[in-house]
Amino acid sequence: MVSAEWDRIAQVSAPNPDPSDTAKLQRRHLRFGWWSLLAFLTLGIGLEGLHGFKVGWYLDVANEARRLSWTLSHAHGTLLALIHLAFAYALGWRPAGGLQRQRVASGCLLGASVLLPGGFFLGGIVIYDGDPGLAILLVPVGGALLLAGVGATAWDLSRSGPGTSPPSSTASGS
């Protein structure tokens, strides 16, 4: 009886059978997350500069849709960068056998990170009678990809057993 319990615990807390694939996904999302965080924080500083220098092309009432679209681009891009960093961390907690779903989640998050802020930014370049440009149509597609990626990750993490721990904590040497 005790032996069967130990076997079950060892199975649940065993490292993933494909650590190199998981490590590649983690590195990809760490790189993408940090570089996109830098890019969108830079965009935010640029927007602050346009505001600080009272640039009419950005601040005039007729350009409110542009200002809102670009602010939404900055905010969504920054948030998505942080989601990539959280996703890279969560990959270490992935249960065995869930790598394929996490590859799909990875692609969804990468697509959302291009389409959501990109749709807002490109939609704000040309304004039509107070409405953003056609590129704003990319935003719902990006939103759907974001929901799919976050949903797949939440599903996998909810399947984790009580003894599941990231690979680094099992090799602590104690």
Protein backbone atom coordinates (compact mmCIF):
# COMPACT_ATOMS: atom_id res chain seq x y z
CA MET A 1 0.00 0.00 0.00
CA VAL A 2 2.75 2.44 0.96
CA SER A 3 4.79 1.43 -2.07
CA ALA A 4 1.89 2.19 -4.41
CA GLU A 5 1.49 5.63 -2.79
CA TRP A 6 5.21 6.40 -3.25
CA ASP A 7 5.02 5.31 -6.89
CA ARG A 8 2.07 7.64 -7.44
CA ILE A 9 3.93 10.56 -5.81
CA ALA A 10 7.06 9.84 -7.85
CA GLN A 11 4.99 9.74 -11.03
CA VAL A 12 3.28 13.08 -10.28
CA SER A 13 6.48 14.88 -9.26
CA ALA A 14 8.74 13.31 -11.89
CA PRO A 15 10.38 15.84 -14.22
CA ASN A 16 8.81 16.30 -17.62
CA PRO A 17 10.03 13.74 -20.16
CA ASP A 18 11.01 16.47 -22.60
CA PRO A 19 12.91 19.11 -20.60
CA SER A 20 14.74 20.44 -23.64
CA ASP A 21 11.46 21.22 -25.45
CA THR A 22 10.08 22.89 -22.35
CA ALA A 23 13.32 24.86 -21.91
CA LYS A 24 13.12 26.04 -25.54
CA LEU A 25 9.56 27.27 -25.04
CA GLN A 26 10.55 28.97 -21.79
CA ARG A 27 13.51 30.75 -23.44
CA ARG A 28 11.34 31.83 -26.39
CA HIS A 29 8.76 33.42 -24.10
CA LEU A 30 11.34 34.96 -21.80
CA ARG A 31 13.08 36.59 -24.79
CA PHE A 32 9.82 37.67 -26.40
CA GLY A 33 8.43 38.93 -23.10
CA TRP A 34 11.45 41.04 -22.15
CA TRP A 35 11.97 42.48 -25.65
CA SER A 36 8.30 43.31 -26.10
CA LEU A 37 8.22 44.84 -22.62
CA LEU A 38 11.11 47.08 -23.67
CA ALA A 39 9.35 47.97 -26.96
CA PHE A 40 6.00 48.82 -25.38
CA LEU A 41 7.50 50.74 -22.50
CA THR A 42 9.45 52.73 -25.09
CA LEU A 43 6.19 53.32 -26.98
CA GLY A 44 4.64 54.57 -23.74
CA ILE A 45 7.52 56.99 -23.19
CA GLY A 46 7.09 58.18 -26.78
CA LEU A 47 3.39 58.78 -26.18
CA GLU A 48 4.25 60.71 -23.02
CA GLY A 49 6.64 62.81 -25.13
CA LEU A 50 3.89 63.57 -27.67
CA HIS A 51 1.66 64.58 -24.79
CA GLY A 52 4.37 66.61 -23.04
CA PHE A 53 5.27 68.57 -26.18
CA LYS A 54 1.56 69.13 -26.93
CA VAL A 55 1.76 67.64 -30.41
CA GLY A 56 -1.55 68.47 -32.10
CA TRP A 57 -1.45 65.41 -34.35
CA TYR A 58 -1.78 63.40 -31.13
CA LEU A 59 -3.68 65.68 -28.72
CA ASP A 60 -6.23 67.58 -30.81
CA VAL A 61 -9.87 66.68 -30.13
CA ALA A 62 -10.23 65.49 -33.72
CA ASN A 63 -7.47 62.93 -33.00
CA GLU A 64 -9.03 61.45 -29.86
CA ALA A 65 -9.45 58.07 -31.58
CA ARG A 66 -5.73 58.03 -32.41
CA ARG A 67 -4.76 58.87 -28.84
CA LEU A 68 -7.07 56.19 -27.44
CA SER A 69 -5.93 53.55 -29.96
CA TRP A 70 -2.26 54.16 -29.29
CA THR A 71 -2.79 54.19 -25.53
CA LEU A 72 -4.62 50.86 -25.83
CA SER A 73 -1.77 49.52 -27.96
CA HIS A 74 0.76 50.49 -25.31
CA ALA A 75 -1.33 49.07 -22.45
CA HIS A 76 -2.15 45.76 -24.15
CA GLY A 77 1.39 45.29 -25.40
CA THR A 78 2.85 45.87 -21.94
CA LEU A 79 0.35 43.51 -20.32
CA LEU A 80 0.96 40.82 -22.93
CA ALA A 81 4.72 41.10 -22.37
CA LEU A 82 4.13 40.34 -18.69
CA ILE A 83 1.85 37.44 -19.66
CA HIS A 84 4.74 35.95 -21.68
CA LEU A 85 6.98 36.11 -18.63
CA ALA A 86 4.29 34.43 -16.50
CA PHE A 87 3.76 31.80 -19.21
CA ALA A 88 7.48 30.99 -19.25
CA TYR A 89 7.33 30.48 -15.48
CA ALA A 90 4.15 28.38 -15.72
CA LEU A 91 5.77 26.01 -18.22
CA GLY A 92 7.85 24.62 -15.35
CA TRP A 93 4.62 23.61 -13.59
CA ARG A 94 3.14 21.90 -16.64
CA PRO A 95 1.99 18.33 -15.99
CA ALA A 96 3.66 15.55 -17.95
CA GLY A 97 2.03 15.02 -21.32
CA GLY A 98 0.74 18.58 -21.76
CA LEU A 99 3.51 19.90 -24.00
CA GLN A 100 1.45 19.80 -27.21
CA ARG A 101 -1.29 21.94 -25.66
CA GLN A 102 1.34 24.37 -24.39
CA ARG A 103 2.84 24.65 -27.88
CA VAL A 104 -0.60 25.65 -29.13
CA ALA A 105 -0.94 28.09 -26.21
CA SER A 106 2.50 29.47 -27.08
CA GLY A 107 1.47 30.16 -30.67
CA CYS A 108 -1.80 31.72 -29.54
CA LEU A 109 -0.02 34.04 -27.11
CA LEU A 110 2.55 35.05 -29.72
CA GLY A 111 -0.21 35.76 -32.24
CA ALA A 112 -2.20 37.75 -29.69
CA SER A 113 0.89 39.78 -28.85
CA VAL A 114 1.20 40.88 -32.46
CA LEU A 115 -2.47 41.28 -33.39
CA LEU A 116 -3.89 42.99 -30.28
CA PRO A 117 -1.44 45.88 -29.86
CA GLY A 118 -0.68 45.93 -33.58
CA GLY A 119 -4.35 46.30 -34.47
CA PHE A 120 -4.76 49.16 -32.02
CA PHE A 121 -1.59 50.92 -33.19
CA LEU A 122 -2.20 50.53 -36.93
CA GLY A 123 -5.87 51.41 -36.48
CA GLY A 124 -4.81 54.70 -34.92
CA ILE A 125 -2.52 55.81 -37.75
CA VAL A 126 -5.33 56.85 -40.09
CA ILE A 127 -8.61 58.02 -38.54
CA TYR A 128 -11.87 58.09 -40.53
CA ASP A 129 -14.42 60.58 -39.13
CA GLY A 130 -13.36 59.82 -35.57
CA ASP A 131 -13.16 56.05 -36.08
CA PRO A 132 -9.94 54.03 -36.18
CA GLY A 133 -8.67 52.51 -39.41
CA LEU A 134 -9.49 49.03 -40.70
CA ALA A 135 -6.54 47.47 -38.90
CA ILE A 136 -8.66 47.65 -35.73
CA LEU A 137 -10.30 44.46 -37.08
CA LEU A 138 -7.16 42.59 -35.99
CA VAL A 139 -8.03 43.26 -32.33
CA PRO A 140 -10.90 40.73 -31.93
CA VAL A 141 -8.79 38.03 -33.59
CA GLY A 142 -5.95 38.82 -31.17
CA GLY A 143 -8.40 38.75 -28.27
CA ALA A 144 -9.64 35.30 -29.30
CA LEU A 145 -6.06 34.03 -29.53
CA LEU A 146 -5.32 35.47 -26.09
CA LEU A 147 -8.35 33.70 -24.59
CA ALA A 148 -7.32 30.41 -26.23
CA GLY A 149 -3.72 30.66 -25.00
CA VAL A 150 -4.67 31.61 -21.45
CA GLY A 151 -7.43 28.99 -21.39
CA ALA A 152 -5.10 26.19 -22.52
CA THR A 153 -2.54 27.16 -19.90
CA ALA A 154 -5.14 27.37 -17.13
CA TRP A 155 -6.52 23.98 -18.18
CA ASP A 156 -3.10 22.35 -18.00
CA LEU A 157 -2.25 23.92 -14.67
CA SER A 158 -5.58 22.82 -13.19
CA ARG A 159 -4.67 19.25 -14.19
CA SER A 160 -1.46 19.41 -12.14
CA GLY A 161 -1.43 17.08 -9.17
CA PRO A 162 -0.89 18.27 -5.60
CA GLY A 163 2.74 17.13 -5.63
CA THR A 164 3.65 18.81 -8.91
CA SER A 165 6.53 21.22 -8.62
CA PRO A 166 8.77 22.99 -11.10
CA PRO A 167 11.94 21.11 -12.13
CA SER A 168 14.27 23.55 -10.34
CA SER A 169 12.71 22.91 -6.92
CA THR A 170 13.18 19.13 -7.16
CA ALA A 171 16.92 19.52 -7.69
CA SER A 172 17.57 21.57 -4.55
CA GLY A 173 19.89 18.93 -3.13
CA SER A 174 18.15 18.56 0.24
